[in-house]
Protein backbone atom coordinates (compact mmCIF):
# COMPACT_ATOMS: atom_id res chain seq x y z
CA MET A 1 2.35 -5.28 25.56
CA ILE A 2 5.07 -6.28 22.96
CA ALA A 3 2.51 -8.35 21.37
CA ARG A 4 0.16 -5.38 20.75
CA LEU A 5 2.79 -3.03 19.62
CA SER A 6 3.78 -6.10 17.12
CA MET A 7 0.03 -6.37 15.90
CA ARG A 8 0.09 -2.23 15.74
CA HIS A 9 3.29 -2.41 13.87
CA LEU A 10 1.70 -5.35 11.62
CA LEU A 11 -1.59 -3.30 11.21
CA MET A 12 0.30 0.03 10.38
CA ARG A 13 2.18 -1.65 7.79
CA HIS A 14 -0.46 -3.31 6.12
CA MET A 15 -2.44 -0.05 6.14
CA LEU A 16 0.90 1.87 4.97
CA GLY A 17 0.63 -0.90 2.22
CA ALA A 18 -2.91 -0.41 1.27
CA LEU A 19 -2.36 3.30 1.10
CA VAL A 20 0.73 2.86 -1.32
CA ALA A 21 -1.11 0.39 -3.46
CA LEU A 22 -4.26 2.80 -3.77
CA ALA A 23 -1.84 5.36 -4.38
CA LEU A 24 -0.02 3.44 -7.31
CA VAL A 25 -3.69 2.46 -8.96
CA GLY A 26 -4.60 6.22 -8.70
CA ILE A 27 -1.24 7.42 -10.00
CA ALA A 28 -1.45 4.41 -12.87
CA LYS A 29 -4.81 5.25 -13.78
CA PRO A 30 -3.90 8.73 -15.53
CA ALA A 31 -0.89 7.03 -16.87
CA LEU A 32 -3.15 4.18 -18.66
CA ALA A 33 -5.26 7.27 -20.33
CA GLN A 34 -1.83 8.32 -21.90
CA ALA A 35 -0.89 4.39 -22.89
CA PRO A 36 -0.81 3.90 -26.36
CA ALA A 37 -3.99 2.47 -27.92
CA LYS A 38 -2.91 -1.33 -28.18
CA PRO A 39 -4.02 -3.06 -25.00
CA PRO A 40 -1.36 -5.29 -23.45
CA SER A 41 -1.57 -8.76 -24.41
CA PRO A 42 -3.10 -11.68 -22.45
CA ALA A 43 -0.12 -13.54 -22.06
CA ALA A 44 1.68 -10.28 -20.88
CA ILE A 45 -1.31 -9.51 -18.26
CA LEU A 46 -0.64 -13.31 -17.08
CA LEU A 47 2.99 -12.69 -16.72
CA ALA A 48 2.25 -9.04 -14.81
CA LYS A 49 -0.12 -11.02 -12.52
CA GLN A 50 2.46 -13.93 -11.59
CA ILE A 51 5.08 -11.05 -10.99
CA ILE A 52 2.27 -9.24 -8.55
CA GLU A 53 1.52 -12.45 -6.89
CA LEU A 54 5.31 -13.44 -6.35
CA LYS A 55 5.87 -10.41 -5.21
CA GLY A 56 3.17 -10.20 -2.61
CA VAL A 57 1.89 -7.07 -4.02
CA ASN A 58 -1.66 -9.07 -4.06
CA LYS A 59 -1.61 -9.50 -0.07
CA LEU A 60 -1.54 -5.64 0.09
CA PHE A 61 -5.38 -5.18 -1.32
CA ASP A 62 -6.60 -7.52 0.88
CA PRO A 63 -7.13 -5.06 3.86
CA LEU A 64 -8.97 -2.81 1.43
CA VAL A 65 -11.75 -4.88 1.55
CA ARG A 66 -11.90 -5.16 5.29
CA GLY A 67 -11.04 -1.51 5.51
CA VAL A 68 -14.17 -0.43 3.57
CA VAL A 69 -16.53 -2.88 5.26
CA GLU A 70 -15.20 -1.42 8.38
CA LYS A 71 -15.59 2.00 7.42
CA VAL A 72 -19.02 1.75 6.40
CA LYS A 73 -19.87 -0.23 9.42
CA ASP A 74 -18.83 2.86 11.64
CA GLN A 75 -20.73 5.21 9.69
CA PHE A 76 -23.74 3.49 10.28
CA MET A 77 -22.53 2.86 13.97
CA GLN A 78 -22.70 7.03 14.25
CA THR A 79 -26.31 6.40 13.32
CA ASN A 80 -27.21 4.28 16.20
CA PHE A 81 -24.65 2.62 18.42
CA MET A 82 -27.25 0.24 19.92
CA TRP A 83 -26.90 -1.42 16.87
CA ALA A 84 -23.66 -2.37 17.25
CA LYS A 85 -24.12 -6.42 17.74
CA ASP A 86 -26.00 -6.61 14.06
CA LEU A 87 -23.88 -4.34 12.52
CA ASN A 88 -20.99 -6.13 13.66
CA GLU A 89 -22.30 -9.63 12.42
CA VAL A 90 -23.37 -7.93 9.29
CA ALA A 91 -19.66 -6.68 8.72
CA ALA A 92 -18.37 -9.88 9.64
CA ASN A 93 -20.60 -11.57 6.80
CA LEU A 94 -19.80 -8.80 4.10
CA LYS A 95 -15.97 -9.26 4.95
CA LYS A 96 -16.00 -12.87 3.82
CA GLU A 97 -18.72 -12.47 1.03
CA TYR A 98 -16.46 -9.22 -0.79
CA ALA A 99 -12.82 -11.05 -0.05
CA PRO A 100 -12.43 -12.13 -3.47
CA ARG A 101 -13.17 -8.90 -4.87
CA ALA A 102 -9.66 -8.04 -3.90
CA SER A 103 -8.69 -10.04 -7.03
CA GLU A 104 -10.19 -7.00 -8.89
CA LEU A 105 -7.00 -5.21 -7.96
CA VAL A 106 -4.92 -7.73 -8.85
CA ASP A 107 -6.31 -8.12 -12.15
CA ALA A 108 -6.10 -4.12 -12.59
CA SER A 109 -2.73 -4.00 -11.65
CA ALA A 110 -1.47 -6.82 -13.81
CA ARG A 111 -3.09 -4.63 -16.83
CA ILE A 112 -1.19 -2.09 -15.37
CA TYR A 113 2.18 -3.55 -15.26
CA ALA A 114 1.82 -5.20 -18.47
CA SER A 115 1.05 -1.68 -20.19
CA HIS A 116 4.39 -0.44 -18.86
CA PHE A 117 6.53 -3.50 -19.81
CA THR A 118 6.62 -5.65 -22.68
CA GLU A 119 6.04 -9.27 -22.85
CA THR A 120 9.69 -10.19 -23.01
CA GLU A 121 10.61 -7.38 -20.23
CA LEU A 122 7.77 -9.02 -18.17
CA ARG A 123 9.58 -12.59 -18.51
CA GLN A 124 12.87 -11.41 -17.61
CA ILE A 125 11.42 -9.56 -14.53
CA LEU A 126 9.60 -12.87 -13.85
CA ALA A 127 12.71 -14.81 -14.12
CA PHE A 128 14.51 -12.36 -11.95
CA TYR A 129 11.97 -12.80 -9.17
CA GLN A 130 12.14 -16.60 -9.29
CA SER A 131 16.04 -16.28 -8.84
CA PRO A 132 17.75 -16.88 -5.70
CA LEU A 133 18.57 -13.08 -5.78
CA GLY A 134 15.14 -12.04 -6.76
CA ARG A 135 13.55 -14.11 -3.83
CA LYS A 136 16.06 -12.56 -1.42
CA MET A 137 14.78 -9.21 -2.84
CA ILE A 138 11.24 -10.11 -2.18
CA VAL A 139 11.96 -10.77 1.44
CA GLU A 140 14.65 -8.63 2.47
CA GLU A 141 13.32 -5.48 0.47
CA PRO A 142 10.21 -5.13 2.82
CA LYS A 143 12.81 -4.66 5.74
CA ALA A 144 15.03 -2.34 3.98
CA LEU A 145 11.81 -0.35 3.15
CA ASP A 146 10.92 -0.19 6.86
CA GLU A 147 14.42 0.50 8.06
CA SER A 148 14.52 3.22 5.40
CA MET A 149 11.14 4.69 6.75
CA ALA A 150 12.20 4.91 10.22
CA ASN A 151 15.27 6.30 9.45
CA ALA A 152 13.55 8.94 7.60
CA GLY A 153 11.30 9.52 10.36
CA ASN A 154 14.06 9.81 12.58
CA TRP A 155 16.01 12.08 10.18
CA GLY A 156 12.95 14.26 9.88
CA ASN A 157 12.64 14.62 13.73
CA ASN A 158 16.25 15.81 14.23
CA PHE A 159 15.72 18.17 10.61
CA SER A 160 12.81 19.64 12.36
CA GLU A 161 14.35 20.45 15.73
CA GLU A 162 17.59 22.06 13.43
CA VAL A 163 14.65 24.10 11.48
CA ILE A 164 13.10 25.16 15.04
CA ALA A 165 16.33 26.38 16.34
CA LYS A 166 17.17 28.15 13.23
CA MET A 167 13.70 29.76 13.07
CA ARG A 168 13.80 30.87 16.59
CA ASP A 169 17.24 32.64 16.23
CA GLU A 170 16.42 34.03 13.04
CA MET A 171 12.94 35.49 14.85
CA LYS A 172 14.99 36.54 17.68
CA LYS A 173 17.24 38.92 15.41
CA ARG A 174 14.06 40.37 13.97
CA GLY A 175 12.79 40.87 17.66
CA HIS A 176 10.41 37.98 18.18
CA ASP A 177 11.36 35.82 20.89
CA LEU A 178 9.74 32.34 20.11
């Protein structure tokens, strides 16, 4: 049971990470349209890619390929569930075939990062993430974010109870019993 919960938590974390990555790419796309006409240099893109890989952001994109293949497989499964065995085999092959496509997102993200920072800034950022404190940040930041999200969820639940009580109280004053 604990292993199942851990796997579920890990899957949810990867899915959340993938959604965040998609959102970042979606948010950054309009920003690129507003970026200066001068594209980032190849050196800046390379530095940005090193930062992305060092921080492990590239790992957030891997579930996207698998997720798209699974989504398409599930759509076809609705057509005829009797094709499940064949669809599962085809999906497994496509996941392997398309896995390298996640690198397209890494490259695009590197260009996005490089369009927001100068080469000098990217060198400084890379140096930071290669430092002992930067390496610690890479390890500890996801934990801090997980704890922050859990705390925000608990806070939201408690706040919701407070709002419900207040709403009931105010509605009761108006003659409505909720």
